[in-house]
Amino acid sequence: MLHTQMILAAEEPSPVMPHLSEVILGLVAFLILLFLLRKYAVPRFENLYEERTAKIEGGIEKAEKAQAEAEQALEQYKAQLAEARSEAAKIRDDARLEAEQIKEELRAEAQEESRRIVSQGEAQLQAQKAQIVAELRAELGRNAVTLASRIVGESLEDEARRRGTVDRFLAELETNGAGARK
């Protein structure tokens, strides 16, 4: 029986080994599929691959250009910023110098004004002193004439005599006052 089973088993198709017609049909279908893929699909994939590669490379170049431009703009910005800072420092120094000059001019003007006011005050004091001295002389002269009239007993009403007497008296006072001061 075993022998019969083997014969029967040999006549049945093997589940592992396909029939020759299936292998040939599969091979023909594979070759047709391979031909169609090579003719239509592979060139399209190649074109898409090349386009994508070009886009990526172009994007990288653009990015590098943009980065270079950004670095250049940053350098220009830094240079402009440094220039602006130096210009601001120069303006600040100029302003300080100008302020010092203005301060010196104002100080000189104030000193000049103060000298002018002091000299005007001194001139006014001299004028007032001269006026007071003249008034005191006149008053002193009147008092001296009145006192001398009482002492002498004669009238010093005569203008010429009175003036001479007063002038003599004042001259004596000045010489006595000048001698006392020295």
C-alpha atoms as a PDB file:
ATOM      1  CA  MET A   1       0.000   0.000   0.000  1.00  0.00           C
ATOM      2  CA  LEU A   2       2.673   2.250   0.553  1.00  0.00           C
ATOM      3  CA  HIS A   3       3.730   1.847  -2.943  1.00  0.00           C
ATOM      4  CA  THR A   4       0.336   2.809  -4.232  1.00  0.00           C
ATOM      5  CA  GLN A   5       0.250   5.826  -2.142  1.00  0.00           C
ATOM      6  CA  MET A   6       3.494   6.963  -3.592  1.00  0.00           C
ATOM      7  CA  ILE A   7       2.339   6.523  -7.100  1.00  0.00           C
ATOM      8  CA  LEU A   8      -0.789   8.440  -6.348  1.00  0.00           C
ATOM      9  CA  ALA A   9       1.228  11.102  -4.651  1.00  0.00           C
ATOM     10  CA  ALA A  10       3.516  11.414  -7.651  1.00  0.00           C
ATOM     11  CA  GLU A  11       0.638  12.074  -9.975  1.00  0.00           C
ATOM     12  CA  GLU A  12      -0.824  14.898  -7.936  1.00  0.00           C
ATOM     13  CA  PRO A  13       0.648  18.356  -8.401  1.00  0.00           C
ATOM     14  CA  SER A  14       3.088  19.434  -5.732  1.00  0.00           C
ATOM     15  CA  PRO A  15       1.983  22.323  -3.529  1.00  0.00           C
ATOM     16  CA  VAL A  16       5.554  23.603  -3.380  1.00  0.00           C
ATOM     17  CA  MET A  17       6.471  23.263  -7.028  1.00  0.00           C
ATOM     18  CA  PRO A  18       4.172  25.169  -9.474  1.00  0.00           C
ATOM     19  CA  HIS A  19       3.332  23.900 -12.947  1.00  0.00           C
ATOM     20  CA  LEU A  20       5.599  24.844 -15.803  1.00  0.00           C
ATOM     21  CA  SER A  21       2.823  26.762 -17.557  1.00  0.00           C
ATOM     22  CA  GLU A  22       2.301  28.924 -14.456  1.00  0.00           C
ATOM     23  CA  VAL A  23       6.003  29.659 -14.241  1.00  0.00           C
ATOM     24  CA  ILE A  24       6.154  30.659 -17.924  1.00  0.00           C
ATOM     25  CA  LEU A  25       3.004  32.799 -17.637  1.00  0.00           C
ATOM     26  CA  GLY A  26       4.391  34.492 -14.484  1.00  0.00           C
ATOM     27  CA  LEU A  27       7.723  35.092 -16.187  1.00  0.00           C
ATOM     28  CA  VAL A  28       6.042  36.642 -19.264  1.00  0.00           C
ATOM     29  CA  ALA A  29       3.822  38.840 -17.054  1.00  0.00           C
ATOM     30  CA  PHE A  30       6.893  39.901 -15.033  1.00  0.00           C
ATOM     31  CA  LEU A  31       8.816  40.789 -18.188  1.00  0.00           C
ATOM     32  CA  ILE A  32       5.861  42.815 -19.525  1.00  0.00           C
ATOM     33  CA  LEU A  33       5.538  44.584 -16.182  1.00  0.00           C
ATOM     34  CA  LEU A  34       9.296  45.211 -16.154  1.00  0.00           C
ATOM     35  CA  PHE A  35       9.149  46.611 -19.707  1.00  0.00           C
ATOM     36  CA  LEU A  36       6.206  48.908 -18.862  1.00  0.00           C
ATOM     37  CA  LEU A  37       7.880  50.133 -15.688  1.00  0.00           C
ATOM     38  CA  ARG A  38      11.132  50.785 -17.527  1.00  0.00           C
ATOM     39  CA  LYS A  39       9.410  52.516 -20.430  1.00  0.00           C
ATOM     40  CA  TYR A  40       6.941  54.732 -18.507  1.00  0.00           C
ATOM     41  CA  ALA A  41       7.402  54.738 -14.742  1.00  0.00           C
ATOM     42  CA  VAL A  42      11.204  54.835 -14.369  1.00  0.00           C
ATOM     43  CA  PRO A  43      11.695  57.948 -16.594  1.00  0.00           C
ATOM     44  CA  ARG A  44       9.008  59.758 -14.649  1.00  0.00           C
ATOM     45  CA  PHE A  45      10.633  58.805 -11.365  1.00  0.00           C
ATOM     46  CA  GLU A  46      14.005  59.914 -12.769  1.00  0.00           C
ATOM     47  CA  ASN A  47      12.527  63.276 -13.851  1.00  0.00           C
ATOM     48  CA  LEU A  48      10.847  63.775 -10.485  1.00  0.00           C
ATOM     49  CA  TYR A  49      14.084  62.842  -8.726  1.00  0.00           C
ATOM     50  CA  GLU A  50      16.100  65.311 -10.828  1.00  0.00           C
ATOM     51  CA  GLU A  51      13.500  68.092 -10.298  1.00  0.00           C
ATOM     52  CA  ARG A  52      13.464  67.474  -6.581  1.00  0.00           C
ATOM     53  CA  THR A  53      17.257  67.414  -6.471  1.00  0.00           C
ATOM     54  CA  ALA A  54      17.401  70.686  -8.435  1.00  0.00           C
ATOM     55  CA  LYS A  55      14.830  72.280  -6.138  1.00  0.00           C
ATOM     56  CA  ILE A  56      16.712  71.168  -3.051  1.00  0.00           C
ATOM     57  CA  GLU A  57      20.037  72.369  -4.443  1.00  0.00           C
ATOM     58  CA  GLY A  58      18.421  75.645  -5.541  1.00  0.00           C
ATOM     59  CA  GLY A  59      16.871  75.992  -2.115  1.00  0.00           C
ATOM     60  CA  ILE A  60      20.232  75.374  -0.493  1.00  0.00           C
ATOM     61  CA  GLU A  61      21.874  77.955  -2.771  1.00  0.00           C
ATOM     62  CA  LYS A  62      19.104  80.440  -2.032  1.00  0.00           C
ATOM     63  CA  ALA A  63      19.467  79.775   1.684  1.00  0.00           C
ATOM     64  CA  GLU A  64      23.238  80.241   1.468  1.00  0.00           C
ATOM     65  CA  LYS A  65      22.758  83.464  -0.515  1.00  0.00           C
ATOM     66  CA  ALA A  66      20.169  84.685   1.963  1.00  0.00           C
ATOM     67  CA  GLN A  67      22.480  83.810   4.845  1.00  0.00           C
ATOM     68  CA  ALA A  68      25.381  85.625   3.156  1.00  0.00           C
ATOM     69  CA  GLU A  69      23.159  88.656   2.533  1.00  0.00           C
ATOM     70  CA  ALA A  70      21.947  88.543   6.124  1.00  0.00           C
ATOM     71  CA  GLU A  71      25.535  88.416   7.374  1.00  0.00           C
ATOM     72  CA  GLN A  72      26.474  91.303   5.090  1.00  0.00           C
ATOM     73  CA  ALA A  73      23.456  93.295   6.294  1.00  0.00           C
ATOM     74  CA  LEU A  74      24.428  92.494   9.888  1.00  0.00           C
ATOM     75  CA  GLU A  75      27.967  93.733   9.264  1.00  0.00           C
ATOM     76  CA  GLN A  76      26.602  96.916   7.652  1.00  0.00           C
ATOM     77  CA  TYR A  77      24.249  97.378  10.593  1.00  0.00           C
ATOM     78  CA  LYS A  78      27.110  96.914  13.046  1.00  0.00           C
ATOM     79  CA  ALA A  79      29.251  99.377  11.079  1.00  0.00           C
ATOM     80  CA  GLN A  80      26.419 101.921  10.967  1.00  0.00           C
ATOM     81  CA  LEU A  81      25.772 101.401  14.667  1.00  0.00           C
ATOM     82  CA  ALA A  82      29.445 101.938  15.474  1.00  0.00           C
ATOM     83  CA  GLU A  83      29.475 105.042  13.261  1.00  0.00           C
ATOM     84  CA  ALA A  84      26.321 106.353  14.922  1.00  0.00           C
ATOM     85  CA  ARG A  85      27.842 105.750  18.353  1.00  0.00           C
ATOM     86  CA  SER A  86      31.033 107.559  17.434  1.00  0.00           C
ATOM     87  CA  GLU A  87      29.019 110.413  15.925  1.00  0.00           C
ATOM     88  CA  ALA A  88      26.882 110.595  19.063  1.00  0.00           C
ATOM     89  CA  ALA A  89      30.044 110.705  21.186  1.00  0.00           C
ATOM     90  CA  LYS A  90      31.426 113.484  18.970  1.00  0.00           C
ATOM     91  CA  ILE A  91      28.168 115.437  19.219  1.00  0.00           C
ATOM     92  CA  ARG A  92      28.163 114.938  22.998  1.00  0.00           C
ATOM     93  CA  ASP A  93      31.778 116.163  23.243  1.00  0.00           C
ATOM     94  CA  ASP A  94      30.998 119.138  20.993  1.00  0.00           C
ATOM     95  CA  ALA A  95      27.985 119.958  23.161  1.00  0.00           C
ATOM     96  CA  ARG A  96      30.140 119.800  26.294  1.00  0.00           C
ATOM     97  CA  LEU A  97      32.718 122.124  24.749  1.00  0.00           C
ATOM     98  CA  GLU A  98      30.006 124.499  23.601  1.00  0.00           C
ATOM     99  CA  ALA A  99      28.426 124.421  27.061  1.00  0.00           C
ATOM    100  CA  GLU A 100      31.801 125.222  28.619  1.00  0.00           C
ATOM    101  CA  GLN A 101      32.282 128.120  26.192  1.00  0.00           C
ATOM    102  CA  ILE A 102      28.790 129.441  26.900  1.00  0.00           C
ATOM    103  CA  LYS A 103      29.417 129.087  30.628  1.00  0.00           C
ATOM    104  CA  GLU A 104      32.699 130.991  30.339  1.00  0.00           C
ATOM    105  CA  GLU A 105      31.031 133.694  28.219  1.00  0.00           C
ATOM    106  CA  LEU A 106      28.205 134.029  30.741  1.00  0.00           C
ATOM    107  CA  ARG A 107      30.712 134.133  33.608  1.00  0.00           C
ATOM    108  CA  ALA A 108      32.704 136.867  31.812  1.00  0.00           C
ATOM    109  CA  GLU A 109      29.519 138.820  31.060  1.00  0.00           C
ATOM    110  CA  ALA A 110      28.387 138.477  34.684  1.00  0.00           C
ATOM    111  CA  GLN A 111      31.777 139.660  35.945  1.00  0.00           C
ATOM    112  CA  GLU A 112      31.723 142.597  33.523  1.00  0.00           C
ATOM    113  CA  GLU A 113      28.168 143.454  34.579  1.00  0.00           C
ATOM    114  CA  SER A 114      29.165 143.206  38.218  1.00  0.00           C
ATOM    115  CA  ARG A 115      32.161 145.510  37.608  1.00  0.00           C
ATOM    116  CA  ARG A 116      29.894 147.956  35.790  1.00  0.00           C
ATOM    117  CA  ILE A 117      27.350 147.898  38.616  1.00  0.00           C
ATOM    118  CA  VAL A 118      30.095 148.346  41.234  1.00  0.00           C
ATOM    119  CA  SER A 119      31.633 151.252  39.304  1.00  0.00           C
ATOM    120  CA  GLN A 120      28.187 152.829  38.883  1.00  0.00           C
ATOM    121  CA  GLY A 121      27.578 152.362  42.604  1.00  0.00           C
ATOM    122  CA  GLU A 122      30.928 153.912  43.423  1.00  0.00           C
ATOM    123  CA  ALA A 123      30.198 156.826  41.081  1.00  0.00           C
ATOM    124  CA  GLN A 124      26.809 157.303  42.708  1.00  0.00           C
ATOM    125  CA  LEU A 125      28.413 157.115  46.142  1.00  0.00           C
ATOM    126  CA  GLN A 126      31.001 159.715  45.113  1.00  0.00           C
ATOM    127  CA  ALA A 127      28.248 161.965  43.762  1.00  0.00           C
ATOM    128  CA  GLN A 128      26.177 161.516  46.898  1.00  0.00           C
ATOM    129  CA  LYS A 129      29.272 162.104  49.038  1.00  0.00           C
ATOM    130  CA  ALA A 130      30.048 165.308  47.130  1.00  0.00           C
ATOM    131  CA  GLN A 131      26.422 166.430  47.483  1.00  0.00           C
ATOM    132  CA  ILE A 132      26.379 165.625  51.206  1.00  0.00           C
ATOM    133  CA  VAL A 133      29.720 167.374  51.714  1.00  0.00           C
ATOM    134  CA  ALA A 134      28.385 170.440  49.869  1.00  0.00           C
ATOM    135  CA  GLU A 135      25.188 170.378  51.921  1.00  0.00           C
ATOM    136  CA  LEU A 136      27.148 169.921  55.146  1.00  0.00           C
ATOM    137  CA  ARG A 137      29.485 172.767  54.188  1.00  0.00           C
ATOM    138  CA  ALA A 138      26.553 175.029  53.526  1.00  0.00           C
ATOM    139  CA  GLU A 139      24.893 173.981  56.783  1.00  0.00           C
ATOM    140  CA  LEU A 140      28.160 174.230  58.645  1.00  0.00           C
ATOM    141  CA  GLY A 141      28.752 177.660  57.121  1.00  0.00           C
ATOM    142  CA  ARG A 142      25.319 178.880  58.228  1.00  0.00           C
ATOM    143  CA  ASN A 143      25.819 177.486  61.688  1.00  0.00           C
ATOM    144  CA  ALA A 144      29.318 178.988  61.893  1.00  0.00           C
ATOM    145  CA  VAL A 145      28.068 182.401  60.804  1.00  0.00           C
ATOM    146  CA  THR A 146      25.257 182.250  63.334  1.00  0.00           C
ATOM    147  CA  LEU A 147      27.620 181.150  66.082  1.00  0.00           C
ATOM    148  CA  ALA A 148      30.267 183.679  65.126  1.00  0.00           C
ATOM    149  CA  SER A 149      27.634 186.453  65.053  1.00  0.00           C
ATOM    150  CA  ARG A 150      26.637 185.621  68.568  1.00  0.00           C
ATOM    151  CA  ILE A 151      30.203 185.414  69.805  1.00  0.00           C
ATOM    152  CA  VAL A 152      31.557 188.466  68.032  1.00  0.00           C
ATOM    153  CA  GLY A 153      28.475 190.412  68.550  1.00  0.00           C
ATOM    154  CA  GLU A 154      28.532 191.987  65.177  1.00  0.00           C
ATOM    155  CA  SER A 155      26.470 191.181  62.258  1.00  0.00           C
ATOM    156  CA  LEU A 156      28.026 189.001  59.593  1.00  0.00           C
ATOM    157  CA  GLU A 157      25.234 189.624  57.252  1.00  0.00           C
ATOM    158  CA  ASP A 158      27.389 190.972  54.585  1.00  0.00           C
ATOM    159  CA  GLU A 159      27.653 188.217  51.975  1.00  0.00           C
ATOM    160  CA  ALA A 160      31.245 188.780  50.987  1.00  0.00           C
ATOM    161  CA  ARG A 161      32.455 188.793  54.559  1.00  0.00           C
ATOM    162  CA  ARG A 162      30.395 185.813  55.447  1.00  0.00           C
ATOM    163  CA  ARG A 163      31.653 183.830  52.483  1.00  0.00           C
ATOM    164  CA  GLY A 164      35.265 184.644  53.281  1.00  0.00           C
ATOM    165  CA  THR A 165      34.836 183.741  56.925  1.00  0.00           C
ATOM    166  CA  VAL A 166      33.144 180.447  56.116  1.00  0.00           C
ATOM    167  CA  ASP A 167      35.737 179.517  53.512  1.00  0.00           C
ATOM    168  CA  ARG A 168      38.544 180.255  55.964  1.00  0.00           C
ATOM    169  CA  PHE A 169      36.848 178.252  58.667  1.00  0.00           C
ATOM    170  CA  LEU A 170      36.298 175.249  56.358  1.00  0.00           C
ATOM    171  CA  ALA A 171      39.885 175.409  55.105  1.00  0.00           C
ATOM    172  CA  GLU A 172      41.092 175.304  58.702  1.00  0.00           C
ATOM    173  CA  LEU A 173      38.836 172.327  59.396  1.00  0.00           C
ATOM    174  CA  GLU A 174      40.143 170.482  56.371  1.00  0.00           C
ATOM    175  CA  THR A 175      43.760 171.096  57.304  1.00  0.00           C
ATOM    176  CA  ASN A 176      43.094 170.049  60.874  1.00  0.00           C
ATOM    177  CA  GLY A 177      41.117 166.995  59.689  1.00  0.00           C
ATOM    178  CA  ALA A 178      43.780 166.037  57.152  1.00  0.00           C
ATOM    179  CA  GLY A 179      46.532 166.374  59.775  1.00  0.00           C
ATOM    180  CA  ALA A 180      44.540 164.259  62.236  1.00  0.00           C
ATOM    181  CA  ARG A 181      43.987 161.522  59.675  1.00  0.00           C
ATOM    182  CA  LYS A 182      47.648 161.181  58.769  1.00  0.00           C
END
